[in-house]
Amino acid sequence: MEPGIINQAIQKLCIAEGKEVNEVIQYLKLKYRIDIDPLVLQKRIDKLMNKGKAVA
């Protein structure tokens, strides 16, 4: 199963390119018209980062 739009953006921008949370929010707003709360996005980023560490 393919990850969702938000998870793809997090993996592409935060994990791969090292961008900040605000840049991911702006990307989602402009490209997909998704408005997401910064705290919710940060929790998702933390969850993905911890999941990546557990696998490695």
C-alpha atoms as a PDB file:
ATOM      1  CA  MET A   1       0.000   0.000   0.000  1.00  0.00           C
ATOM      2  CA  GLU A   2       1.278   3.420  -0.920  1.00  0.00           C
ATOM      3  CA  PRO A   3       1.674   6.078   1.814  1.00  0.00           C
ATOM      4  CA  GLY A   4      -0.739   9.009   1.856  1.00  0.00           C
ATOM      5  CA  ILE A   5      -0.081  12.464   0.475  1.00  0.00           C
ATOM      6  CA  ILE A   6       0.935  13.930   3.830  1.00  0.00           C
ATOM      7  CA  ASN A   7       3.326  11.075   4.639  1.00  0.00           C
ATOM      8  CA  GLN A   8       4.854  11.315   1.157  1.00  0.00           C
ATOM      9  CA  ALA A   9       5.432  15.046   1.652  1.00  0.00           C
ATOM     10  CA  ILE A  10       7.019  14.420   5.059  1.00  0.00           C
ATOM     11  CA  GLN A  11       9.332  11.746   3.680  1.00  0.00           C
ATOM     12  CA  LYS A  12      10.264  13.814   0.638  1.00  0.00           C
ATOM     13  CA  LEU A  13      10.788  17.176   2.307  1.00  0.00           C
ATOM     14  CA  CYS A  14      11.651  16.549   5.968  1.00  0.00           C
ATOM     15  CA  ILE A  15      13.485  13.261   5.902  1.00  0.00           C
ATOM     16  CA  ALA A  16      15.163  13.367   2.474  1.00  0.00           C
ATOM     17  CA  GLU A  17      15.792  17.111   2.074  1.00  0.00           C
ATOM     18  CA  GLY A  18      15.898  18.253   5.713  1.00  0.00           C
ATOM     19  CA  LYS A  19      13.251  20.974   5.334  1.00  0.00           C
ATOM     20  CA  GLU A  20      11.400  22.568   8.249  1.00  0.00           C
ATOM     21  CA  VAL A  21       7.785  21.907   9.259  1.00  0.00           C
ATOM     22  CA  ASN A  22       6.652  25.301   7.923  1.00  0.00           C
ATOM     23  CA  GLU A  23       7.928  24.437   4.456  1.00  0.00           C
ATOM     24  CA  VAL A  24       5.979  21.174   4.443  1.00  0.00           C
ATOM     25  CA  ILE A  25       2.832  23.072   5.483  1.00  0.00           C
ATOM     26  CA  GLN A  26       3.337  25.562   2.670  1.00  0.00           C
ATOM     27  CA  TYR A  27       3.948  22.751   0.144  1.00  0.00           C
ATOM     28  CA  LEU A  28       0.739  20.946   1.157  1.00  0.00           C
ATOM     29  CA  LYS A  29      -1.259  24.197   0.998  1.00  0.00           C
ATOM     30  CA  LEU A  30      -0.024  25.191  -2.434  1.00  0.00           C
ATOM     31  CA  LYS A  31       0.046  21.814  -4.159  1.00  0.00           C
ATOM     32  CA  TYR A  32      -2.903  19.961  -2.616  1.00  0.00           C
ATOM     33  CA  ARG A  33      -4.865  22.726  -0.816  1.00  0.00           C
ATOM     34  CA  ILE A  34      -4.492  20.839   2.457  1.00  0.00           C
ATOM     35  CA  ASP A  35      -4.445  22.968   5.589  1.00  0.00           C
ATOM     36  CA  ILE A  36      -2.800  21.087   8.474  1.00  0.00           C
ATOM     37  CA  ASP A  37      -2.065  22.172  12.021  1.00  0.00           C
ATOM     38  CA  PRO A  38       1.686  22.470  12.746  1.00  0.00           C
ATOM     39  CA  LEU A  39       1.401  20.425  15.962  1.00  0.00           C
ATOM     40  CA  VAL A  40      -0.352  17.568  14.173  1.00  0.00           C
ATOM     41  CA  LEU A  41       2.249  17.608  11.408  1.00  0.00           C
ATOM     42  CA  GLN A  42       5.102  17.628  13.925  1.00  0.00           C
ATOM     43  CA  LYS A  43       3.607  14.592  15.676  1.00  0.00           C
ATOM     44  CA  ARG A  44       3.414  12.771  12.344  1.00  0.00           C
ATOM     45  CA  ILE A  45       7.033  13.648  11.589  1.00  0.00           C
ATOM     46  CA  ASP A  46       8.141  12.410  15.015  1.00  0.00           C
ATOM     47  CA  LYS A  47       6.172   9.199  14.552  1.00  0.00           C
ATOM     48  CA  LEU A  48       7.716   8.545  11.135  1.00  0.00           C
ATOM     49  CA  MET A  49      11.214   9.327  12.413  1.00  0.00           C
ATOM     50  CA  ASN A  50      10.793   6.929  15.373  1.00  0.00           C
ATOM     51  CA  LYS A  51       9.387   4.253  13.074  1.00  0.00           C
ATOM     52  CA  GLY A  52      12.411   4.641  10.798  1.00  0.00           C
ATOM     53  CA  LYS A  53      14.809   4.276  13.734  1.00  0.00           C
ATOM     54  CA  ALA A  54      13.015   1.143  14.957  1.00  0.00           C
ATOM     55  CA  VAL A  55      13.381  -0.510  11.550  1.00  0.00           C
ATOM     56  CA  ALA A  56      17.038   0.414  11.105  1.00  0.00           C
END
